[in-house]
């Protein structure tokens, strides 16, 4: 009998990103990210949440009025990709890969490019954010960063990751919730 691992590398790293996302208190969408070295070592993990020192109990941080930056959670939340990069134990991240539960926004792409990450693997993409995705894609393409949907490169890992995401949602009461 041949010894083999229980899960593939892509499943493991996206699984770590998904588990990290379960730490998020964002009631709209939980996201996670995992930065991995070329030799398959985890360098950093993050989820979308408030900066250190900002309390989750302050309702101002979680308001949804995007017409007013002071009352928009988007002004305050540190994205999962950014947190994963900031939590890295080494820099630069030349040649590293970032696994993200969601396709990165332009601000996260800027950081991905600046630290030397060369590959982005994502689980899902917000289809309604066509122009935002286009801006991020332009920068990624211009910088020569490889971008792949997990479902395209390894469907089995994407299926496994989706099942894990559903399990996390069921056991935690969904995004931002508690059972």
N, C-alpha and C. Protein backbone atom coordinates (compact mmCIF):
# COMPACT_ATOMS: atom_id res chain seq x y z
N UNK A 1 0.85 -1.19 0.00
CA UNK A 1 0.00 0.00 0.00
C UNK A 1 0.89 1.25 0.00
N UNK A 2 0.57 2.18 -0.86
CA UNK A 2 1.35 3.42 -0.99
C UNK A 2 0.90 4.45 0.04
N UNK A 3 1.89 5.06 0.68
CA UNK A 3 1.56 6.15 1.62
C UNK A 3 1.26 7.40 0.82
N UNK A 4 0.18 8.08 1.16
CA UNK A 4 -0.15 9.34 0.50
C UNK A 4 -0.85 10.26 1.49
N UNK A 5 -0.78 11.55 1.19
CA UNK A 5 -1.40 12.53 2.08
C UNK A 5 -2.92 12.48 1.93
N UNK A 6 -3.60 12.97 2.94
CA UNK A 6 -5.06 12.98 2.91
C UNK A 6 -5.62 14.07 2.03
N UNK A 7 -4.93 15.20 1.97
CA UNK A 7 -5.40 16.30 1.12
C UNK A 7 -4.25 16.85 0.29
N UNK A 8 -4.60 17.49 -0.79
CA UNK A 8 -3.62 18.10 -1.68
C UNK A 8 -3.15 19.43 -1.10
N UNK A 9 -1.99 19.93 -1.60
CA UNK A 9 -1.46 21.21 -1.13
C UNK A 9 -2.48 22.33 -1.30
N UNK A 10 -3.11 22.42 -2.49
CA UNK A 10 -4.08 23.50 -2.71
C UNK A 10 -5.22 23.43 -1.70
N UNK A 11 -5.68 22.21 -1.40
CA UNK A 11 -6.75 22.05 -0.41
C UNK A 11 -6.29 22.50 0.97
N UNK A 12 -5.08 22.14 1.31
CA UNK A 12 -4.57 22.52 2.63
C UNK A 12 -4.49 24.04 2.78
N UNK A 13 -3.89 24.71 1.79
CA UNK A 13 -3.68 26.14 1.93
C UNK A 13 -4.98 26.94 1.82
N UNK A 14 -5.89 26.51 0.95
CA UNK A 14 -7.19 27.19 0.90
C UNK A 14 -7.97 26.86 2.16
N UNK A 15 -7.79 25.66 2.69
CA UNK A 15 -8.43 25.29 3.95
C UNK A 15 -7.96 26.17 5.09
N UNK A 16 -6.67 26.48 5.14
CA UNK A 16 -6.13 27.39 6.16
C UNK A 16 -6.76 28.77 5.99
N UNK A 17 -6.88 29.24 4.75
CA UNK A 17 -7.51 30.54 4.49
C UNK A 17 -8.96 30.53 4.96
N UNK A 18 -9.66 29.44 4.70
CA UNK A 18 -11.07 29.34 5.12
C UNK A 18 -11.18 29.30 6.65
N UNK A 19 -10.31 28.55 7.29
CA UNK A 19 -10.34 28.51 8.76
C UNK A 19 -10.05 29.89 9.34
N UNK A 20 -9.10 30.60 8.75
CA UNK A 20 -8.82 31.97 9.20
C UNK A 20 -10.05 32.86 9.04
N UNK A 21 -10.78 32.67 7.95
CA UNK A 21 -11.97 33.50 7.70
C UNK A 21 -13.01 33.35 8.81
N UNK A 22 -13.01 32.21 9.47
CA UNK A 22 -13.97 31.97 10.56
C UNK A 22 -13.70 32.89 11.76
N UNK A 23 -12.53 33.54 11.82
CA UNK A 23 -12.22 34.50 12.88
C UNK A 23 -12.84 35.87 12.61
N UNK A 24 -13.24 36.13 11.38
CA UNK A 24 -13.78 37.44 11.02
C UNK A 24 -15.12 37.69 11.72
N UNK A 25 -15.32 38.93 12.11
CA UNK A 25 -16.60 39.33 12.71
C UNK A 25 -17.44 40.15 11.74
N UNK A 26 -17.02 40.19 10.48
CA UNK A 26 -17.76 40.94 9.46
C UNK A 26 -19.07 40.22 9.16
N UNK A 27 -20.18 40.86 9.44
CA UNK A 27 -21.49 40.22 9.26
C UNK A 27 -21.89 40.08 7.79
N UNK A 28 -21.19 40.75 6.90
CA UNK A 28 -21.52 40.68 5.47
C UNK A 28 -20.76 39.58 4.74
N UNK A 29 -19.45 39.49 4.99
CA UNK A 29 -18.64 38.50 4.28
C UNK A 29 -17.36 38.23 5.05
N UNK A 30 -17.12 36.98 5.33
CA UNK A 30 -15.87 36.56 5.96
C UNK A 30 -14.88 36.18 4.88
N UNK A 31 -13.67 36.67 4.99
CA UNK A 31 -12.61 36.30 4.05
C UNK A 31 -11.36 35.92 4.81
N UNK A 32 -10.58 35.05 4.19
CA UNK A 32 -9.31 34.62 4.76
C UNK A 32 -8.27 34.53 3.68
N UNK A 33 -7.01 34.54 4.09
CA UNK A 33 -5.90 34.42 3.15
C UNK A 33 -4.74 33.70 3.82
N UNK A 34 -3.94 33.04 2.98
CA UNK A 34 -2.78 32.29 3.45
C UNK A 34 -1.64 32.51 2.47
N UNK A 35 -0.49 32.98 2.97
CA UNK A 35 0.69 33.21 2.14
C UNK A 35 1.62 32.01 2.30
N UNK A 36 2.07 31.49 1.14
CA UNK A 36 2.84 30.25 1.13
C UNK A 36 4.13 30.43 0.33
N UNK A 37 5.22 29.90 0.86
CA UNK A 37 6.52 29.97 0.18
C UNK A 37 6.57 28.97 -0.99
N UNK A 38 7.55 29.13 -1.87
CA UNK A 38 7.68 28.20 -2.99
C UNK A 38 7.89 26.74 -2.55
N UNK A 39 8.40 26.53 -1.34
CA UNK A 39 8.59 25.16 -0.86
C UNK A 39 7.47 24.73 0.10
N UNK A 40 6.28 25.31 -0.07
CA UNK A 40 5.05 24.91 0.63
C UNK A 40 5.09 25.11 2.14
N UNK A 41 5.68 26.19 2.58
CA UNK A 41 5.67 26.57 4.00
C UNK A 41 4.76 27.78 4.17
N UNK A 42 3.90 27.74 5.17
CA UNK A 42 3.01 28.86 5.44
C UNK A 42 3.81 29.99 6.09
N UNK A 43 3.74 31.17 5.48
CA UNK A 43 4.48 32.33 5.98
C UNK A 43 3.59 33.31 6.73
N UNK A 44 2.29 33.33 6.41
CA UNK A 44 1.39 34.27 7.06
C UNK A 44 -0.06 33.91 6.77
N UNK A 45 -0.93 34.25 7.70
CA UNK A 45 -2.36 33.97 7.60
C UNK A 45 -3.11 35.21 8.08
N UNK A 46 -4.24 35.51 7.45
CA UNK A 46 -5.04 36.66 7.89
C UNK A 46 -6.50 36.52 7.54
N UNK A 47 -7.30 37.35 8.16
CA UNK A 47 -8.74 37.42 7.88
C UNK A 47 -9.14 38.89 7.89
N UNK A 48 -10.33 39.18 7.36
CA UNK A 48 -10.79 40.56 7.34
C UNK A 48 -11.33 40.94 8.72
N UNK A 49 -10.73 42.01 9.26
CA UNK A 49 -11.12 42.47 10.58
C UNK A 49 -10.56 43.84 10.86
N UNK A 50 -10.85 44.33 12.04
CA UNK A 50 -10.42 45.67 12.44
C UNK A 50 -8.94 45.68 12.82
N UNK A 51 -8.30 46.84 12.68
CA UNK A 51 -6.91 46.97 13.13
C UNK A 51 -6.81 46.78 14.65
N UNK A 52 -5.65 46.39 15.10
CA UNK A 52 -5.41 46.25 16.54
C UNK A 52 -5.78 47.55 17.25
N UNK A 53 -6.41 47.40 18.41
CA UNK A 53 -6.78 48.56 19.21
C UNK A 53 -8.16 49.10 18.90
N UNK A 54 -8.74 48.70 17.79
CA UNK A 54 -10.11 49.12 17.44
C UNK A 54 -11.06 48.02 17.90
N UNK A 55 -12.00 48.38 18.74
CA UNK A 55 -12.86 47.39 19.36
C UNK A 55 -14.03 46.98 18.45
N UNK A 56 -14.27 45.69 18.40
CA UNK A 56 -15.38 45.15 17.60
C UNK A 56 -16.73 45.62 18.11
N UNK A 57 -16.80 46.04 19.35
CA UNK A 57 -18.06 46.47 19.95
C UNK A 57 -18.49 47.88 19.52
N UNK A 58 -17.59 48.64 18.92
CA UNK A 58 -17.91 49.99 18.45
C UNK A 58 -18.69 49.87 17.14
N UNK A 59 -19.98 50.17 17.19
CA UNK A 59 -20.85 49.98 16.03
C UNK A 59 -20.46 50.85 14.83
N UNK A 60 -19.73 51.94 15.06
CA UNK A 60 -19.31 52.81 13.96
C UNK A 60 -18.50 52.01 12.94
N UNK A 61 -17.66 51.10 13.42
CA UNK A 61 -16.81 50.32 12.53
C UNK A 61 -17.58 49.38 11.61
N UNK A 62 -18.80 49.07 11.94
CA UNK A 62 -19.56 48.07 11.19
C UNK A 62 -20.73 48.65 10.41
N UNK A 63 -20.81 49.97 10.31
CA UNK A 63 -21.92 50.60 9.59
C UNK A 63 -21.76 50.40 8.08
N UNK A 64 -22.86 50.48 7.36
CA UNK A 64 -22.85 50.15 5.93
C UNK A 64 -23.26 51.30 5.01
N UNK A 65 -23.00 52.55 5.42
CA UNK A 65 -23.31 53.69 4.57
C UNK A 65 -22.07 54.03 3.73
N UNK A 66 -21.98 53.43 2.55
CA UNK A 66 -20.79 53.63 1.71
C UNK A 66 -20.73 55.02 1.10
N UNK A 67 -21.79 55.82 1.23
CA UNK A 67 -21.74 57.19 0.73
C UNK A 67 -20.99 58.11 1.70
N UNK A 68 -20.78 57.63 2.93
CA UNK A 68 -20.08 58.40 3.95
C UNK A 68 -18.93 57.56 4.50
N UNK A 69 -17.68 57.88 4.16
CA UNK A 69 -16.54 57.07 4.62
C UNK A 69 -16.49 56.86 6.13
N UNK A 70 -16.95 57.84 6.91
CA UNK A 70 -16.93 57.70 8.36
C UNK A 70 -17.89 56.61 8.83
N UNK A 71 -18.97 56.41 8.07
CA UNK A 71 -20.00 55.44 8.45
C UNK A 71 -19.98 54.19 7.56
N UNK A 72 -18.86 53.90 6.97
CA UNK A 72 -18.73 52.71 6.12
C UNK A 72 -17.69 51.76 6.68
N UNK A 73 -18.07 50.52 6.88
CA UNK A 73 -17.13 49.53 7.39
C UNK A 73 -15.93 49.37 6.47
N UNK A 74 -16.10 49.71 5.20
CA UNK A 74 -15.00 49.60 4.23
C UNK A 74 -13.84 50.56 4.55
N UNK A 75 -14.11 51.59 5.33
CA UNK A 75 -13.04 52.51 5.73
C UNK A 75 -12.18 51.93 6.85
N UNK A 76 -12.69 50.93 7.53
CA UNK A 76 -12.03 50.46 8.74
C UNK A 76 -11.46 49.04 8.65
N UNK A 77 -12.09 48.18 7.93
CA UNK A 77 -11.69 46.77 7.91
C UNK A 77 -10.39 46.58 7.12
N UNK A 78 -9.47 45.84 7.73
CA UNK A 78 -8.25 45.43 7.05
C UNK A 78 -8.57 44.13 6.33
N UNK A 79 -8.35 44.09 5.03
CA UNK A 79 -8.69 42.91 4.25
C UNK A 79 -7.81 41.72 4.61
N UNK A 80 -8.31 40.53 4.35
CA UNK A 80 -7.62 39.29 4.70
C UNK A 80 -6.24 39.21 4.05
N UNK A 81 -6.15 39.59 2.77
CA UNK A 81 -4.87 39.51 2.07
C UNK A 81 -3.83 40.43 2.72
N UNK A 82 -4.26 41.62 3.06
CA UNK A 82 -3.37 42.58 3.71
C UNK A 82 -2.93 42.06 5.09
N UNK A 83 -3.87 41.53 5.85
CA UNK A 83 -3.52 40.98 7.17
C UNK A 83 -2.55 39.81 7.03
N UNK A 84 -2.78 38.95 6.05
CA UNK A 84 -1.88 37.81 5.85
C UNK A 84 -0.46 38.30 5.54
N UNK A 85 -0.36 39.32 4.70
CA UNK A 85 0.95 39.89 4.36
C UNK A 85 1.58 40.53 5.59
N UNK A 86 0.80 41.31 6.33
CA UNK A 86 1.33 41.98 7.52
C UNK A 86 1.73 40.99 8.62
N UNK A 87 1.11 39.82 8.62
CA UNK A 87 1.42 38.80 9.61
C UNK A 87 2.57 37.88 9.20
N UNK A 88 3.14 38.10 8.03
CA UNK A 88 4.23 37.26 7.56
C UNK A 88 5.45 37.38 8.44
N UNK A 89 6.13 36.28 8.56
CA UNK A 89 7.33 36.25 9.40
C UNK A 89 8.59 36.60 8.61
N UNK A 90 8.48 36.70 7.29
CA UNK A 90 9.62 37.06 6.43
C UNK A 90 9.17 38.06 5.37
N UNK A 91 10.09 38.87 4.94
CA UNK A 91 9.89 39.77 3.80
C UNK A 91 11.22 39.87 3.09
N UNK A 92 11.29 40.04 1.81
CA UNK A 92 10.17 40.08 0.88
C UNK A 92 9.60 38.68 0.65
N UNK A 93 8.50 38.64 -0.02
CA UNK A 93 7.80 37.39 -0.30
C UNK A 93 8.00 36.98 -1.76
N UNK A 94 9.18 37.21 -2.27
CA UNK A 94 9.50 36.95 -3.67
C UNK A 94 9.24 35.50 -4.03
N UNK A 95 8.37 35.32 -5.01
CA UNK A 95 8.05 33.98 -5.50
C UNK A 95 6.99 33.26 -4.70
N UNK A 96 6.44 33.89 -3.68
CA UNK A 96 5.43 33.26 -2.85
C UNK A 96 4.07 33.25 -3.56
N UNK A 97 3.13 32.49 -3.01
CA UNK A 97 1.75 32.39 -3.49
C UNK A 97 0.83 32.83 -2.37
N UNK A 98 -0.24 33.53 -2.72
CA UNK A 98 -1.27 33.85 -1.73
C UNK A 98 -2.55 33.13 -2.13
N UNK A 99 -3.13 32.43 -1.18
CA UNK A 99 -4.43 31.78 -1.33
C UNK A 99 -5.45 32.69 -0.67
N UNK A 100 -6.47 33.08 -1.40
CA UNK A 100 -7.48 34.00 -0.88
C UNK A 100 -8.87 33.41 -1.11
N UNK A 101 -9.72 33.52 -0.11
CA UNK A 101 -11.07 33.00 -0.27
C UNK A 101 -11.86 33.81 -1.29
N UNK A 102 -11.43 35.02 -1.55
CA UNK A 102 -12.09 35.88 -2.55
C UNK A 102 -11.04 36.58 -3.40
N UNK A 103 -11.38 36.82 -4.66
CA UNK A 103 -10.48 37.54 -5.56
C UNK A 103 -10.11 38.87 -4.94
N UNK A 104 -8.82 39.22 -4.91
CA UNK A 104 -8.39 40.43 -4.19
C UNK A 104 -8.81 41.73 -4.87
N UNK A 105 -9.06 42.72 -4.03
CA UNK A 105 -9.41 44.07 -4.50
C UNK A 105 -8.13 44.79 -4.97
N UNK A 106 -8.28 45.93 -5.65
CA UNK A 106 -7.10 46.67 -6.12
C UNK A 106 -6.11 47.05 -5.01
N UNK A 107 -6.59 47.46 -3.84
CA UNK A 107 -5.67 47.83 -2.75
C UNK A 107 -4.85 46.63 -2.30
N UNK A 108 -5.48 45.48 -2.18
CA UNK A 108 -4.75 44.27 -1.78
C UNK A 108 -3.78 43.85 -2.89
N UNK A 109 -4.19 44.00 -4.13
CA UNK A 109 -3.31 43.67 -5.25
C UNK A 109 -2.05 44.54 -5.20
N UNK A 110 -2.20 45.81 -4.85
CA UNK A 110 -1.02 46.68 -4.74
C UNK A 110 -0.02 46.09 -3.74
N UNK A 111 -0.50 45.64 -2.61
CA UNK A 111 0.39 45.06 -1.59
C UNK A 111 0.97 43.73 -2.07
N UNK A 112 0.15 42.92 -2.71
CA UNK A 112 0.61 41.64 -3.24
C UNK A 112 1.79 41.87 -4.18
N UNK A 113 1.65 42.82 -5.07
CA UNK A 113 2.70 43.13 -6.04
C UNK A 113 3.94 43.66 -5.32
N UNK A 114 3.75 44.60 -4.39
CA UNK A 114 4.88 45.27 -3.73
C UNK A 114 5.75 44.32 -2.92
N UNK A 115 5.17 43.28 -2.31
CA UNK A 115 5.97 42.38 -1.48
C UNK A 115 6.60 41.23 -2.27
N UNK A 116 6.28 41.13 -3.56
CA UNK A 116 6.93 40.12 -4.39
C UNK A 116 6.17 38.83 -4.61
N UNK A 117 4.94 38.76 -4.14
CA UNK A 117 4.14 37.55 -4.38
C UNK A 117 3.97 37.40 -5.89
N UNK A 118 4.10 36.18 -6.38
CA UNK A 118 4.06 35.93 -7.82
C UNK A 118 2.83 35.17 -8.29
N UNK A 119 2.00 34.68 -7.34
CA UNK A 119 0.83 33.91 -7.75
C UNK A 119 -0.32 34.15 -6.78
N UNK A 120 -1.52 34.30 -7.33
CA UNK A 120 -2.74 34.44 -6.55
C UNK A 120 -3.66 33.28 -6.93
N UNK A 121 -4.11 32.56 -5.92
CA UNK A 121 -5.10 31.50 -6.13
C UNK A 121 -6.30 31.88 -5.27
N UNK A 122 -7.47 31.97 -5.91
CA UNK A 122 -8.66 32.41 -5.18
C UNK A 122 -9.78 31.39 -5.30
N UNK A 123 -10.70 31.43 -4.33
CA UNK A 123 -11.82 30.50 -4.31
C UNK A 123 -13.02 31.05 -5.04
N UNK A 124 -13.37 32.31 -4.81
CA UNK A 124 -14.53 32.89 -5.48
C UNK A 124 -14.26 34.34 -5.86
N UNK A 125 -15.10 34.84 -6.76
CA UNK A 125 -14.95 36.20 -7.26
C UNK A 125 -16.32 36.86 -7.26
N UNK A 126 -16.39 38.09 -6.76
CA UNK A 126 -17.66 38.83 -6.77
C UNK A 126 -17.96 39.25 -8.21
N UNK A 127 -18.91 38.58 -8.84
CA UNK A 127 -19.21 38.85 -10.25
C UNK A 127 -19.84 40.22 -10.46
N UNK A 128 -20.46 40.79 -9.43
CA UNK A 128 -21.10 42.11 -9.57
C UNK A 128 -20.09 43.26 -9.51
N UNK A 129 -18.84 42.97 -9.15
CA UNK A 129 -17.82 44.02 -9.06
C UNK A 129 -16.92 43.99 -10.30
N UNK A 130 -17.54 44.13 -11.45
CA UNK A 130 -16.84 43.99 -12.72
C UNK A 130 -15.69 44.97 -12.85
N UNK A 131 -15.91 46.24 -12.58
CA UNK A 131 -14.86 47.26 -12.77
C UNK A 131 -13.76 47.15 -11.71
N UNK A 132 -14.13 46.82 -10.49
CA UNK A 132 -13.14 46.63 -9.44
C UNK A 132 -12.24 45.44 -9.79
N UNK A 133 -12.88 44.34 -10.23
CA UNK A 133 -12.12 43.16 -10.64
C UNK A 133 -11.23 43.47 -11.84
N UNK A 134 -11.73 44.30 -12.76
CA UNK A 134 -10.95 44.66 -13.94
C UNK A 134 -9.71 45.47 -13.55
N UNK A 135 -9.86 46.38 -12.60
CA UNK A 135 -8.71 47.18 -12.14
C UNK A 135 -7.67 46.28 -11.48
N UNK A 136 -8.12 45.37 -10.63
CA UNK A 136 -7.20 44.45 -9.97
C UNK A 136 -6.51 43.55 -11.00
N UNK A 137 -7.28 43.04 -11.94
CA UNK A 137 -6.73 42.16 -12.98
C UNK A 137 -5.70 42.89 -13.83
N UNK A 138 -5.97 44.16 -14.16
CA UNK A 138 -5.01 44.93 -14.96
C UNK A 138 -3.66 45.01 -14.25
N UNK A 139 -3.69 45.37 -12.97
CA UNK A 139 -2.43 45.47 -12.23
C UNK A 139 -1.73 44.12 -12.14
N UNK A 140 -2.48 43.07 -11.85
CA UNK A 140 -1.89 41.73 -11.75
C UNK A 140 -1.24 41.32 -13.07
N UNK A 141 -1.97 41.54 -14.16
CA UNK A 141 -1.42 41.19 -15.49
C UNK A 141 -0.18 42.02 -15.82
N UNK A 142 -0.26 43.34 -15.59
CA UNK A 142 0.87 44.21 -15.91
C UNK A 142 2.11 43.85 -15.09
N UNK A 143 1.91 43.38 -13.86
CA UNK A 143 3.03 43.02 -12.98
C UNK A 143 3.50 41.58 -13.20
N UNK A 144 2.81 40.87 -14.08
CA UNK A 144 3.21 39.49 -14.37
C UNK A 144 2.89 38.50 -13.27
N UNK A 145 1.84 38.79 -12.50
CA UNK A 145 1.42 37.90 -11.42
C UNK A 145 0.46 36.86 -12.00
N UNK A 146 0.72 35.59 -11.76
CA UNK A 146 -0.18 34.53 -12.19
C UNK A 146 -1.41 34.54 -11.29
N UNK A 147 -2.58 34.40 -11.89
CA UNK A 147 -3.84 34.40 -11.14
C UNK A 147 -4.66 33.21 -11.62
N UNK A 148 -5.12 32.42 -10.66
CA UNK A 148 -5.90 31.25 -11.03
C UNK A 148 -7.03 31.03 -10.03
N UNK A 149 -8.18 30.67 -10.57
CA UNK A 149 -9.29 30.23 -9.72
C UNK A 149 -8.99 28.79 -9.31
N UNK A 150 -9.17 28.47 -8.06
CA UNK A 150 -8.90 27.12 -7.58
C UNK A 150 -9.70 26.10 -8.38
N UNK A 151 -10.93 26.45 -8.75
CA UNK A 151 -11.79 25.52 -9.50
C UNK A 151 -11.22 25.18 -10.87
N UNK A 152 -10.41 26.08 -11.42
CA UNK A 152 -9.82 25.84 -12.75
C UNK A 152 -8.56 25.00 -12.68
N UNK A 153 -7.77 25.15 -11.61
CA UNK A 153 -6.51 24.42 -11.55
C UNK A 153 -6.63 23.07 -10.85
N UNK A 154 -7.57 22.97 -9.91
CA UNK A 154 -7.73 21.71 -9.20
C UNK A 154 -9.17 21.60 -8.69
N UNK A 155 -10.09 21.15 -9.54
CA UNK A 155 -11.50 21.07 -9.17
C UNK A 155 -11.77 20.30 -7.87
N UNK A 156 -10.99 19.24 -7.62
CA UNK A 156 -11.21 18.47 -6.39
C UNK A 156 -10.94 19.33 -5.16
N UNK A 157 -9.91 20.14 -5.21
CA UNK A 157 -9.59 21.02 -4.08
C UNK A 157 -10.65 22.10 -3.92
N UNK A 158 -11.17 22.60 -5.04
CA UNK A 158 -12.23 23.61 -4.98
C UNK A 158 -13.49 23.02 -4.35
N UNK A 159 -13.82 21.79 -4.72
CA UNK A 159 -15.00 21.13 -4.14
C UNK A 159 -14.80 20.92 -2.64
N UNK A 160 -13.61 20.43 -2.26
CA UNK A 160 -13.31 20.21 -0.86
C UNK A 160 -13.39 21.53 -0.08
N UNK A 161 -12.84 22.59 -0.66
CA UNK A 161 -12.84 23.90 -0.01
C UNK A 161 -14.26 24.43 0.14
N UNK A 162 -15.09 24.23 -0.86
CA UNK A 162 -16.50 24.67 -0.77
C UNK A 162 -17.22 23.92 0.34
N UNK A 163 -16.96 22.62 0.46
CA UNK A 163 -17.57 21.84 1.54
C UNK A 163 -17.09 22.35 2.90
N UNK A 164 -15.81 22.67 3.01
CA UNK A 164 -15.28 23.21 4.26
C UNK A 164 -15.93 24.56 4.58
N UNK A 165 -16.09 25.40 3.58
CA UNK A 165 -16.74 26.71 3.78
C UNK A 165 -18.17 26.53 4.28
N UNK A 166 -18.89 25.59 3.70
CA UNK A 166 -20.27 25.33 4.14
C UNK A 166 -20.29 24.81 5.58
N UNK A 167 -19.34 23.94 5.91
CA UNK A 167 -19.24 23.43 7.28
C UNK A 167 -18.99 24.59 8.26
N UNK A 168 -18.07 25.46 7.91
CA UNK A 168 -17.75 26.60 8.78
C UNK A 168 -18.99 27.48 8.96
N UNK A 169 -19.71 27.75 7.87
CA UNK A 169 -20.93 28.57 7.98
C UNK A 169 -21.97 27.90 8.87
N UNK A 170 -22.14 26.59 8.72
CA UNK A 170 -23.13 25.87 9.54
C UNK A 170 -22.76 25.89 11.01
N UNK A 171 -21.49 25.69 11.31
CA UNK A 171 -21.08 25.58 12.71
C UNK A 171 -20.92 26.93 13.40
N UNK A 172 -20.81 27.99 12.62
CA UNK A 172 -20.65 29.32 13.22
C UNK A 172 -21.88 30.19 13.05
N UNK A 173 -22.91 29.67 12.44
CA UNK A 173 -24.11 30.47 12.23
C UNK A 173 -24.02 31.40 11.04
N UNK A 174 -23.12 31.14 10.10
CA UNK A 174 -23.00 31.98 8.90
C UNK A 174 -22.08 33.15 9.16
N UNK A 175 -21.87 33.98 8.11
CA UNK A 175 -20.96 35.12 8.24
C UNK A 175 -21.31 36.02 9.42
N UNK A 176 -20.36 36.17 10.33
CA UNK A 176 -20.53 37.08 11.46
C UNK A 176 -21.43 36.57 12.56
N UNK A 177 -22.02 35.39 12.36
CA UNK A 177 -22.98 34.90 13.33
C UNK A 177 -22.42 33.88 14.28
N UNK A 178 -23.20 33.57 15.29
CA UNK A 178 -22.87 32.56 16.27
C UNK A 178 -24.08 31.65 16.36
N UNK A 179 -23.87 30.33 16.40
CA UNK A 179 -25.02 29.42 16.45
C UNK A 179 -25.87 29.61 17.69
